[in-house]
Amino acid sequence: MSPKDFNQRIQNGETWCILDVRENEELQICQLPNVLHIPLQSIPKQLDKISRSTPTIIVCHLGDRSQVAVHYLMQKGYENIYNLDGGVDYWSLTVDPDLPRY
């Protein structure tokens, strides 16, 4: 899902879980508000923290790790799981230019 499309859904009042799969150091640089932070490698051990009923968008720096997480969760039976195309970097370019880039 593109950052613009996701932002519009949030602006329309939709409830989403934002799962950030980046490493701790990356979150210190920038992050979207109200994220659930589970680094990619920790997801298998923390599945119980990820809702099966709330739509979830998964974010990382550029969209690659989040795509891996989407595929993994879908294999585990999760539905309503989406990748933020281009990650937080593309979010900064298209939605929030004040969000630091790295």
PDB file of N, CA and C in Angstrom:
ATOM      1  N   MET A   1       0.852  -1.169   0.000  1.00  0.00           N
ATOM      2  CA  MET A   1       0.000   0.000   0.000  1.00  0.00           C
ATOM      3  C   MET A   1       0.902   1.237   0.000  1.00  0.00           C
ATOM      4  N   SER A   2       0.571   2.204  -0.787  1.00  0.00           N
ATOM      5  CA  SER A   2       1.396   3.400  -0.864  1.00  0.00           C
ATOM      6  C   SER A   2       1.237   4.231   0.411  1.00  0.00           C
ATOM      7  N   PRO A   3       2.251   5.014   0.766  1.00  0.00           N
ATOM      8  CA  PRO A   3       2.120   5.885   1.922  1.00  0.00           C
ATOM      9  C   PRO A   3       0.937   6.843   1.806  1.00  0.00           C
ATOM     10  N   LYS A   4       0.703   7.384   0.615  1.00  0.00           N
ATOM     11  CA  LYS A   4      -0.429   8.303   0.448  1.00  0.00           C
ATOM     12  C   LYS A   4      -1.752   7.595   0.706  1.00  0.00           C
ATOM     13  N   ASP A   5      -1.902   6.379   0.181  1.00  0.00           N
ATOM     14  CA  ASP A   5      -3.144   5.626   0.414  1.00  0.00           C
ATOM     15  C   ASP A   5      -3.322   5.309   1.892  1.00  0.00           C
ATOM     16  N   PHE A   6      -2.245   4.875   2.551  1.00  0.00           N
ATOM     17  CA  PHE A   6      -2.338   4.560   3.972  1.00  0.00           C
ATOM     18  C   PHE A   6      -2.652   5.808   4.791  1.00  0.00           C
ATOM     19  N   ASN A   7      -1.998   6.909   4.481  1.00  0.00           N
ATOM     20  CA  ASN A   7      -2.273   8.154   5.191  1.00  0.00           C
ATOM     21  C   ASN A   7      -3.735   8.568   5.037  1.00  0.00           C
ATOM     22  N   GLN A   8      -4.280   8.398   3.839  1.00  0.00           N
ATOM     23  CA  GLN A   8      -5.688   8.754   3.615  1.00  0.00           C
ATOM     24  C   GLN A   8      -6.605   7.891   4.479  1.00  0.00           C
ATOM     25  N   ARG A   9      -6.295   6.618   4.603  1.00  0.00           N
ATOM     26  CA  ARG A   9      -7.102   5.725   5.440  1.00  0.00           C
ATOM     27  C   ARG A   9      -7.067   6.166   6.895  1.00  0.00           C
ATOM     28  N   ILE A  10      -5.884   6.539   7.358  1.00  0.00           N
ATOM     29  CA  ILE A  10      -5.752   7.030   8.733  1.00  0.00           C
ATOM     30  C   ILE A  10      -6.550   8.329   8.898  1.00  0.00           C
ATOM     31  N   GLN A  11      -6.429   9.221   7.932  1.00  0.00           N
ATOM     32  CA  GLN A  11      -7.165  10.488   7.986  1.00  0.00           C
ATOM     33  C   GLN A  11      -8.675  10.260   7.972  1.00  0.00           C
ATOM     34  N   ASN A  12      -9.116   9.168   7.347  1.00  0.00           N
ATOM     35  CA  ASN A  12     -10.544   8.831   7.310  1.00  0.00           C
ATOM     36  C   ASN A  12     -11.017   8.170   8.596  1.00  0.00           C
ATOM     37  N   GLY A  13     -10.113   7.979   9.553  1.00  0.00           N
ATOM     38  CA  GLY A  13     -10.493   7.435  10.844  1.00  0.00           C
ATOM     39  C   GLY A  13     -10.407   5.925  10.968  1.00  0.00           C
ATOM     40  N   GLU A  14      -9.823   5.258   9.988  1.00  0.00           N
ATOM     41  CA  GLU A  14      -9.681   3.804  10.083  1.00  0.00           C
ATOM     42  C   GLU A  14      -8.681   3.452  11.184  1.00  0.00           C
ATOM     43  N   THR A  15      -8.934   2.340  11.856  1.00  0.00           N
ATOM     44  CA  THR A  15      -8.046   1.855  12.909  1.00  0.00           C
ATOM     45  C   THR A  15      -7.087   0.829  12.331  1.00  0.00           C
ATOM     46  N   TRP A  16      -5.799   1.048  12.533  1.00  0.00           N
ATOM     47  CA  TRP A  16      -4.753   0.182  12.011  1.00  0.00           C
ATOM     48  C   TRP A  16      -3.711  -0.066  13.083  1.00  0.00           C
ATOM     49  N   CYS A  17      -3.067  -1.195  12.993  1.00  0.00           N
ATOM     50  CA  CYS A  17      -1.856  -1.456  13.745  1.00  0.00           C
ATOM     51  C   CYS A  17      -0.708  -1.171  12.786  1.00  0.00           C
ATOM     52  N   ILE A  18       0.271  -0.392  13.236  1.00  0.00           N
ATOM     53  CA  ILE A  18       1.466  -0.137  12.449  1.00  0.00           C
ATOM     54  C   ILE A  18       2.596  -0.931  13.091  1.00  0.00           C
ATOM     55  N   LEU A  19       3.030  -1.972  12.408  1.00  0.00           N
ATOM     56  CA  LEU A  19       4.087  -2.842  12.901  1.00  0.00           C
ATOM     57  C   LEU A  19       5.405  -2.437  12.244  1.00  0.00           C
ATOM     58  N   ASP A  20       6.331  -1.943  13.047  1.00  0.00           N
ATOM     59  CA  ASP A  20       7.637  -1.515  12.556  1.00  0.00           C
ATOM     60  C   ASP A  20       8.627  -2.629  12.826  1.00  0.00           C
ATOM     61  N   VAL A  21       9.253  -3.164  11.771  1.00  0.00           N
ATOM     62  CA  VAL A  21      10.153  -4.311  11.905  1.00  0.00           C
ATOM     63  C   VAL A  21      11.630  -3.914  11.827  1.00  0.00           C
ATOM     64  N   ARG A  22      11.908  -2.623  11.932  1.00  0.00           N
ATOM     65  CA  ARG A  22      13.302  -2.168  11.896  1.00  0.00           C
ATOM     66  C   ARG A  22      13.981  -2.430  13.241  1.00  0.00           C
ATOM     67  N   GLU A  23      15.291  -2.232  13.250  1.00  0.00           N
ATOM     68  CA  GLU A  23      16.081  -2.406  14.466  1.00  0.00           C
ATOM     69  C   GLU A  23      15.934  -1.188  15.380  1.00  0.00           C
ATOM     70  N   ASN A  24      16.265  -1.370  16.648  1.00  0.00           N
ATOM     71  CA  ASN A  24      16.127  -0.305  17.642  1.00  0.00           C
ATOM     72  C   ASN A  24      16.827   0.982  17.217  1.00  0.00           C
ATOM     73  N   GLU A  25      18.032   0.860  16.677  1.00  0.00           N
ATOM     74  CA  GLU A  25      18.796   2.040  16.286  1.00  0.00           C
ATOM     75  C   GLU A  25      18.068   2.865  15.225  1.00  0.00           C
ATOM     76  N   GLU A  26      17.351   2.181  14.345  1.00  0.00           N
ATOM     77  CA  GLU A  26      16.631   2.881  13.277  1.00  0.00           C
ATOM     78  C   GLU A  26      15.452   3.669  13.826  1.00  0.00           C
ATOM     79  N   LEU A  27      14.806   3.137  14.856  1.00  0.00           N
ATOM     80  CA  LEU A  27      13.691   3.862  15.457  1.00  0.00           C
ATOM     81  C   LEU A  27      14.151   5.135  16.139  1.00  0.00           C
ATOM     82  N   GLN A  28      15.409   5.169  16.578  1.00  0.00           N
ATOM     83  CA  GLN A  28      15.946   6.373  17.203  1.00  0.00           C
ATOM     84  C   GLN A  28      16.085   7.505  16.177  1.00  0.00           C
ATOM     85  N   ILE A  29      16.223   7.158  14.916  1.00  0.00           N
ATOM     86  CA  ILE A  29      16.369   8.161  13.862  1.00  0.00           C
ATOM     87  C   ILE A  29      15.014   8.745  13.481  1.00  0.00           C
ATOM     88  N   CYS A  30      14.040   7.877  13.261  1.00  0.00           N
ATOM     89  CA  CYS A  30      12.698   8.318  12.876  1.00  0.00           C
ATOM     90  C   CYS A  30      11.717   7.171  13.063  1.00  0.00           C
ATOM     91  N   GLN A  31      10.459   7.539  13.291  1.00  0.00           N
ATOM     92  CA  GLN A  31       9.417   6.523  13.345  1.00  0.00           C
ATOM     93  C   GLN A  31       8.054   7.171  13.176  1.00  0.00           C
ATOM     94  N   LEU A  32       7.127   6.376  12.704  1.00  0.00           N
ATOM     95  CA  LEU A  32       5.747   6.814  12.612  1.00  0.00           C
ATOM     96  C   LEU A  32       5.158   6.755  14.018  1.00  0.00           C
ATOM     97  N   PRO A  33       4.103   7.509  14.281  1.00  0.00           N
ATOM     98  CA  PRO A  33       3.527   7.503  15.629  1.00  0.00           C
ATOM     99  C   PRO A  33       2.805   6.192  15.949  1.00  0.00           C
ATOM    100  N   ASN A  34       2.826   5.842  17.216  1.00  0.00           N
ATOM    101  CA  ASN A  34       2.044   4.715  17.748  1.00  0.00           C
ATOM    102  C   ASN A  34       2.339   3.382  17.069  1.00  0.00           C
ATOM    103  N   VAL A  35       3.615   3.087  16.866  1.00  0.00           N
ATOM    104  CA  VAL A  35       3.969   1.825  16.230  1.00  0.00           C
ATOM    105  C   VAL A  35       4.099   0.713  17.267  1.00  0.00           C
ATOM    106  N   LEU A  36       3.852  -0.494  16.813  1.00  0.00           N
ATOM    107  CA  LEU A  36       4.211  -1.700  17.541  1.00  0.00           C
ATOM    108  C   LEU A  36       5.563  -2.087  16.987  1.00  0.00           C
ATOM    109  N   HIS A  37       6.584  -2.082  17.830  1.00  0.00           N
ATOM    110  CA  HIS A  37       7.931  -2.365  17.345  1.00  0.00           C
ATOM    111  C   HIS A  37       8.313  -3.802  17.665  1.00  0.00           C
ATOM    112  N   ILE A  38       8.512  -4.585  16.607  1.00  0.00           N
ATOM    113  CA  ILE A  38       9.038  -5.940  16.728  1.00  0.00           C
ATOM    114  C   ILE A  38      10.049  -6.108  15.591  1.00  0.00           C
ATOM    115  N   PRO A  39      11.352  -6.132  15.904  1.00  0.00           N
ATOM    116  CA  PRO A  39      12.326  -6.337  14.835  1.00  0.00           C
ATOM    117  C   PRO A  39      12.027  -7.624  14.056  1.00  0.00           C
ATOM    118  N   LEU A  40      12.327  -7.602  12.780  1.00  0.00           N
ATOM    119  CA  LEU A  40      11.982  -8.704  11.880  1.00  0.00           C
ATOM    120  C   LEU A  40      12.364 -10.063  12.450  1.00  0.00           C
ATOM    121  N   GLN A  41      13.574 -10.202  12.949  1.00  0.00           N
ATOM    122  CA  GLN A  41      14.046 -11.504  13.434  1.00  0.00           C
ATOM    123  C   GLN A  41      13.316 -11.966  14.693  1.00  0.00           C
ATOM    124  N   SER A  42      12.627 -11.057  15.384  1.00  0.00           N
ATOM    125  CA  SER A  42      11.911 -11.403  16.619  1.00  0.00           C
ATOM    126  C   SER A  42      10.452 -11.771  16.393  1.00  0.00           C
ATOM    127  N   ILE A  43       9.954 -11.581  15.191  1.00  0.00           N
ATOM    128  CA  ILE A  43       8.532 -11.837  14.928  1.00  0.00           C
ATOM    129  C   ILE A  43       8.111 -13.264  15.281  1.00  0.00           C
ATOM    130  N   PRO A  44       8.855 -14.298  14.906  1.00  0.00           N
ATOM    131  CA  PRO A  44       8.389 -15.654  15.243  1.00  0.00           C
ATOM    132  C   PRO A  44       8.162 -15.878  16.743  1.00  0.00           C
ATOM    133  N   LYS A  45       8.921 -15.194  17.578  1.00  0.00           N
ATOM    134  CA  LYS A  45       8.789 -15.352  19.022  1.00  0.00           C
ATOM    135  C   LYS A  45       7.723 -14.451  19.628  1.00  0.00           C
ATOM    136  N   GLN A  46       7.211 -13.496  18.835  1.00  0.00           N
ATOM    137  CA  GLN A  46       6.274 -12.518  19.378  1.00  0.00           C
ATOM    138  C   GLN A  46       4.966 -12.446  18.598  1.00  0.00           C
ATOM    139  N   LEU A  47       4.584 -13.539  17.977  1.00  0.00           N
ATOM    140  CA  LEU A  47       3.337 -13.558  17.204  1.00  0.00           C
ATOM    141  C   LEU A  47       2.130 -13.170  18.043  1.00  0.00           C
ATOM    142  N   ASP A  48       2.163 -13.490  19.328  1.00  0.00           N
ATOM    143  CA  ASP A  48       1.028 -13.200  20.197  1.00  0.00           C
ATOM    144  C   ASP A  48       0.781 -11.698  20.361  1.00  0.00           C
ATOM    145  N   LYS A  49       1.726 -10.858  20.020  1.00  0.00           N
ATOM    146  CA  LYS A  49       1.563  -9.409  20.126  1.00  0.00           C
ATOM    147  C   LYS A  49       0.896  -8.806  18.892  1.00  0.00           C
ATOM    148  N   ILE A  50       0.783  -9.592  17.815  1.00  0.00           N
ATOM    149  CA  ILE A  50       0.253  -9.091  16.547  1.00  0.00           C
ATOM    150  C   ILE A  50      -1.201  -9.528  16.407  1.00  0.00           C
ATOM    151  N   SER A  51      -2.084  -8.556  16.334  1.00  0.00           N
ATOM    152  CA  SER A  51      -3.523  -8.833  16.263  1.00  0.00           C
ATOM    153  C   SER A  51      -3.885  -9.542  14.963  1.00  0.00           C
ATOM    154  N   ARG A  52      -4.782 -10.492  15.079  1.00  0.00           N
ATOM    155  CA  ARG A  52      -5.311 -11.155  13.886  1.00  0.00           C
ATOM    156  C   ARG A  52      -6.582 -10.461  13.394  1.00  0.00           C
ATOM    157  N   SER A  53      -7.133  -9.554  14.200  1.00  0.00           N
ATOM    158  CA  SER A  53      -8.394  -8.916  13.818  1.00  0.00           C
ATOM    159  C   SER A  53      -8.226  -7.479  13.316  1.00  0.00           C
ATOM    160  N   THR A  54      -7.195  -6.793  13.753  1.00  0.00           N
ATOM    161  CA  THR A  54      -6.981  -5.410  13.333  1.00  0.00           C
ATOM    162  C   THR A  54      -6.133  -5.385  12.065  1.00  0.00           C
ATOM    163  N   PRO A  55      -6.538  -4.626  11.053  1.00  0.00           N
ATOM    164  CA  PRO A  55      -5.681  -4.500   9.876  1.00  0.00           C
ATOM    165  C   PRO A  55      -4.306  -3.991  10.295  1.00  0.00           C
ATOM    166  N   THR A  56      -3.264  -4.579   9.713  1.00  0.00           N
ATOM    167  CA  THR A  56      -1.900  -4.252  10.101  1.00  0.00           C
ATOM    168  C   THR A  56      -1.091  -3.875   8.877  1.00  0.00           C
ATOM    169  N   ILE A  57      -0.408  -2.746   8.980  1.00  0.00           N
ATOM    170  CA  ILE A  57       0.538  -2.353   7.938  1.00  0.00           C
ATOM    171  C   ILE A  57       1.929  -2.491   8.536  1.00  0.00           C
ATOM    172  N   ILE A  58       2.811  -3.106   7.770  1.00  0.00           N
ATOM    173  CA  ILE A  58       4.159  -3.378   8.253  1.00  0.00           C
ATOM    174  C   ILE A  58       5.126  -2.429   7.559  1.00  0.00           C
ATOM    175  N   VAL A  59       5.987  -1.815   8.366  1.00  0.00           N
ATOM    176  CA  VAL A  59       6.919  -0.819   7.838  1.00  0.00           C
ATOM    177  C   VAL A  59       8.358  -1.160   8.205  1.00  0.00           C
ATOM    178  N   CYS A  60       9.258  -0.733   7.335  1.00  0.00           N
ATOM    179  CA  CYS A  60      10.695  -0.802   7.598  1.00  0.00           C
ATOM    180  C   CYS A  60      11.308   0.423   6.928  1.00  0.00           C
ATOM    181  N   HIS A  61      12.582   0.377   6.632  1.00  0.00           N
ATOM    182  CA  HIS A  61      13.247   1.531   6.034  1.00  0.00           C
ATOM    183  C   HIS A  61      12.820   1.741   4.584  1.00  0.00           C
ATOM    184  N   LEU A  62      12.943   0.697   3.747  1.00  0.00           N
ATOM    185  CA  LEU A  62      12.663   0.843   2.319  1.00  0.00           C
ATOM    186  C   LEU A  62      11.554  -0.068   1.800  1.00  0.00           C
ATOM    187  N   GLY A  63      11.049  -0.961   2.627  1.00  0.00           N
ATOM    188  CA  GLY A  63       9.958  -1.838   2.216  1.00  0.00           C
ATOM    189  C   GLY A  63      10.342  -3.280   1.990  1.00  0.00           C
ATOM    190  N   ASP A  64      11.619  -3.602   2.064  1.00  0.00           N
ATOM    191  CA  ASP A  64      12.052  -4.976   1.802  1.00  0.00           C
ATOM    192  C   ASP A  64      11.808  -5.897   2.998  1.00  0.00           C
ATOM    193  N   ARG A  65      12.272  -5.490   4.177  1.00  0.00           N
ATOM    194  CA  ARG A  65      12.068  -6.326   5.363  1.00  0.00           C
ATOM    195  C   ARG A  65      10.591  -6.450   5.698  1.00  0.00           C
ATOM    196  N   SER A  66       9.850  -5.382   5.489  1.00  0.00           N
ATOM    197  CA  SER A  66       8.415  -5.448   5.774  1.00  0.00           C
ATOM    198  C   SER A  66       7.715  -6.424   4.830  1.00  0.00           C
ATOM    199  N   GLN A  67       8.170  -6.501   3.595  1.00  0.00           N
ATOM    200  CA  GLN A  67       7.586  -7.468   2.656  1.00  0.00           C
ATOM    201  C   GLN A  67       7.865  -8.893   3.113  1.00  0.00           C
ATOM    202  N   VAL A  68       9.065  -9.145   3.635  1.00  0.00           N
ATOM    203  CA  VAL A  68       9.392 -10.464   4.186  1.00  0.00           C
ATOM    204  C   VAL A  68       8.438 -10.782   5.344  1.00  0.00           C
ATOM    205  N   ALA A  69       8.200  -9.802   6.202  1.00  0.00           N
ATOM    206  CA  ALA A  69       7.297  -9.998   7.341  1.00  0.00           C
ATOM    207  C   ALA A  69       5.871 -10.279   6.876  1.00  0.00           C
ATOM    208  N   VAL A  70       5.418  -9.572   5.845  1.00  0.00           N
ATOM    209  CA  VAL A  70       4.075  -9.803   5.302  1.00  0.00           C
ATOM    210  C   VAL A  70       3.944 -11.263   4.852  1.00  0.00           C
ATOM    211  N   HIS A  71       4.901 -11.732   4.088  1.00  0.00           N
ATOM    212  CA  HIS A  71       4.847 -13.118   3.595  1.00  0.00           C
ATOM    213  C   HIS A  71       4.868 -14.117   4.749  1.00  0.00           C
ATOM    214  N   TYR A  72       5.708 -13.878   5.730  1.00  0.00           N
ATOM    215  CA  TYR A  72       5.797 -14.780   6.875  1.00  0.00           C
ATOM    216  C   TYR A  72       4.464 -14.840   7.624  1.00  0.00           C
ATOM    217  N   LEU A  73       3.888 -13.682   7.906  1.00  0.00           N
ATOM    218  CA  LEU A  73       2.624 -13.650   8.660  1.00  0.00           C
ATOM    219  C   LEU A  73       1.481 -14.267   7.864  1.00  0.00           C
ATOM    220  N   MET A  74       1.470 -14.067   6.569  1.00  0.00           N
ATOM    221  CA  MET A  74       0.431 -14.689   5.744  1.00  0.00           C
ATOM    222  C   MET A  74       0.557 -16.208   5.789  1.00  0.00           C
ATOM    223  N   GLN A  75       1.785 -16.714   5.800  1.00  0.00           N
ATOM    224  CA  GLN A  75       1.991 -18.163   5.923  1.00  0.00           C
ATOM    225  C   GLN A  75       1.510 -18.684   7.264  1.00  0.00           C
ATOM    226  N   LYS A  76       1.500 -17.821   8.265  1.00  0.00           N
ATOM    227  CA  LYS A  76       1.029 -18.197   9.597  1.00  0.00           C
ATOM    228  C   LYS A  76      -0.476 -17.985   9.755  1.00  0.00           C
ATOM    229  N   GLY A  77      -1.150 -17.623   8.668  1.00  0.00           N
ATOM    230  CA  GLY A  77      -2.600 -17.504   8.690  1.00  0.00           C
ATOM    231  C   GLY A  77      -3.142 -16.112   8.963  1.00  0.00           C
ATOM    232  N   TYR A  78      -2.285 -15.121   9.024  1.00  0.00           N
ATOM    233  CA  TYR A  78      -2.763 -13.753   9.233  1.00  0.00           C
ATOM    234  C   TYR A  78      -3.379 -13.227   7.955  1.00  0.00           C
ATOM    235  N   GLU A  79      -4.413 -12.437   8.121  1.00  0.00           N
ATOM    236  CA  GLU A  79      -5.072 -11.764   6.998  1.00  0.00           C
ATOM    237  C   GLU A  79      -5.034 -10.270   7.287  1.00  0.00           C
ATOM    238  N   ASN A  80      -5.434  -9.454   6.350  1.00  0.00           N
ATOM    239  CA  ASN A  80      -5.414  -8.002   6.527  1.00  0.00           C
ATOM    240  C   ASN A  80      -4.027  -7.499   6.916  1.00  0.00           C
ATOM    241  N   ILE A  81      -3.001  -8.052   6.251  1.00  0.00           N
ATOM    242  CA  ILE A  81      -1.612  -7.664   6.471  1.00  0.00           C
ATOM    243  C   ILE A  81      -1.127  -6.971   5.198  1.00  0.00           C
ATOM    244  N   TYR A  82      -0.538  -5.776   5.356  1.00  0.00           N
ATOM    245  CA  TYR A  82      -0.115  -4.994   4.202  1.00  0.00           C
ATOM    246  C   TYR A  82       1.310  -4.489   4.388  1.00  0.00           C
ATOM    247  N   ASN A  83       1.986  -4.269   3.288  1.00  0.00           N
ATOM    248  CA  ASN A  83       3.329  -3.698   3.282  1.00  0.00           C
ATOM    249  C   ASN A  83       3.221  -2.214   2.939  1.00  0.00           C
ATOM    250  N   LEU A  84       3.964  -1.373   3.667  1.00  0.00           N
ATOM    251  CA  LEU A  84       4.036   0.040   3.301  1.00  0.00           C
ATOM    252  C   LEU A  84       5.088   0.177   2.204  1.00  0.00           C
ATOM    253  N   ASP A  85       4.637   0.396   0.988  1.00  0.00           N
ATOM    254  CA  ASP A  85       5.540   0.501  -0.161  1.00  0.00           C
ATOM    255  C   ASP A  85       6.585   1.584   0.071  1.00  0.00           C
ATOM    256  N   GLY A  86       7.847   1.216  -0.083  1.00  0.00           N
ATOM    257  CA  GLY A  86       8.929   2.185   0.048  1.00  0.00           C
ATOM    258  C   GLY A  86       9.323   2.522   1.470  1.00  0.00           C
ATOM    259  N   GLY A  87       8.621   1.951   2.441  1.00  0.00           N
ATOM    260  CA  GLY A  87       8.965   2.141   3.844  1.00  0.00           C
ATOM    261  C   GLY A  87       8.870   3.572   4.337  1.00  0.00           C
ATOM    262  N   VAL A  88       9.517   3.810   5.488  1.00  0.00           N
ATOM    263  CA  VAL A  88       9.475   5.144   6.082  1.00  0.00           C
ATOM    264  C   VAL A  88      10.210   6.161   5.208  1.00  0.00           C
ATOM    265  N   ASP A  89      11.141   5.689   4.392  1.00  0.00           N
ATOM    266  CA  ASP A  89      11.835   6.605   3.495  1.00  0.00           C
ATOM    267  C   ASP A  89      10.856   7.214   2.490  1.00  0.00           C
ATOM    268  N   TYR A  90      10.027   6.378   1.881  1.00  0.00           N
ATOM    269  CA  TYR A  90       9.054   6.883   0.903  1.00  0.00           C
ATOM    270  C   TYR A  90       7.943   7.672   1.594  1.00  0.00           C
ATOM    271  N   TRP A  91       7.606   7.302   2.835  1.00  0.00           N
ATOM    272  CA  TRP A  91       6.640   8.070   3.625  1.00  0.00           C
ATOM    273  C   TRP A  91       7.154   9.512   3.772  1.00  0.00           C
ATOM    274  N   SER A  92       8.434   9.641   4.099  1.00  0.00           N
ATOM    275  CA  SER A  92       9.027  10.964   4.259  1.00  0.00           C
ATOM    276  C   SER A  92       8.977  11.764   2.959  1.00  0.00           C
ATOM    277  N   LEU A  93       9.178  11.093   1.839  1.00  0.00           N
ATOM    278  CA  LEU A  93       9.172  11.780   0.545  1.00  0.00           C
ATOM    279  C   LEU A  93       7.779  12.177   0.074  1.00  0.00           C
ATOM    280  N   THR A  94       6.764  11.402   0.449  1.00  0.00           N
ATOM    281  CA  THR A  94       5.435  11.626  -0.129  1.00  0.00           C
ATOM    282  C   THR A  94       4.380  12.129   0.853  1.00  0.00           C
ATOM    283  N   VAL A  95       4.587  11.916   2.164  1.00  0.00           N
ATOM    284  CA  VAL A  95       3.561  12.294   3.140  1.00  0.00           C
ATOM    285  C   VAL A  95       4.075  13.309   4.156  1.00  0.00           C
ATOM    286  N   ASP A  96       5.220  13.032   4.764  1.00  0.00           N
ATOM    287  CA  ASP A  96       5.714  13.855   5.861  1.00  0.00           C
ATOM    288  C   ASP A  96       7.180  14.225   5.649  1.00  0.00           C
ATOM    289  N   PRO A  97       7.439  15.347   4.966  1.00  0.00           N
ATOM    290  CA  PRO A  97       8.821  15.721   4.690  1.00  0.00           C
ATOM    291  C   PRO A  97       9.622  16.073   5.955  1.00  0.00           C
ATOM    292  N   ASP A  98       8.955  16.247   7.090  1.00  0.00           N
ATOM    293  CA  ASP A  98       9.661  16.533   8.346  1.00  0.00           C
ATOM    294  C   ASP A  98      10.230  15.288   8.988  1.00  0.00           C
ATOM    295  N   LEU A  99       9.801  14.107   8.516  1.00  0.00           N
ATOM    296  CA  LEU A  99      10.331  12.859   9.051  1.00  0.00           C
ATOM    297  C   LEU A  99      11.753  12.677   8.526  1.00  0.00           C
ATOM    298  N   PRO A 100      12.738  12.558   9.431  1.00  0.00           N
ATOM    299  CA  PRO A 100      14.126  12.432   8.968  1.00  0.00           C
ATOM    300  C   PRO A 100      14.328  11.203   8.078  1.00  0.00           C
ATOM    301  N   ARG A 101      15.202  11.376   7.096  1.00  0.00           N
ATOM    302  CA  ARG A 101      15.572  10.294   6.189  1.00  0.00           C
ATOM    303  C   ARG A 101      16.979   9.823   6.540  1.00  0.00           C
ATOM    304  N   TYR A 102      17.252   8.554   6.252  1.00  0.00           N
ATOM    305  CA  TYR A 102      18.611   8.034   6.462  1.00  0.00           C
ATOM    306  C   TYR A 102      18.942   7.008   5.410  1.00  0.00           C
TER     307      TYR A 102
END
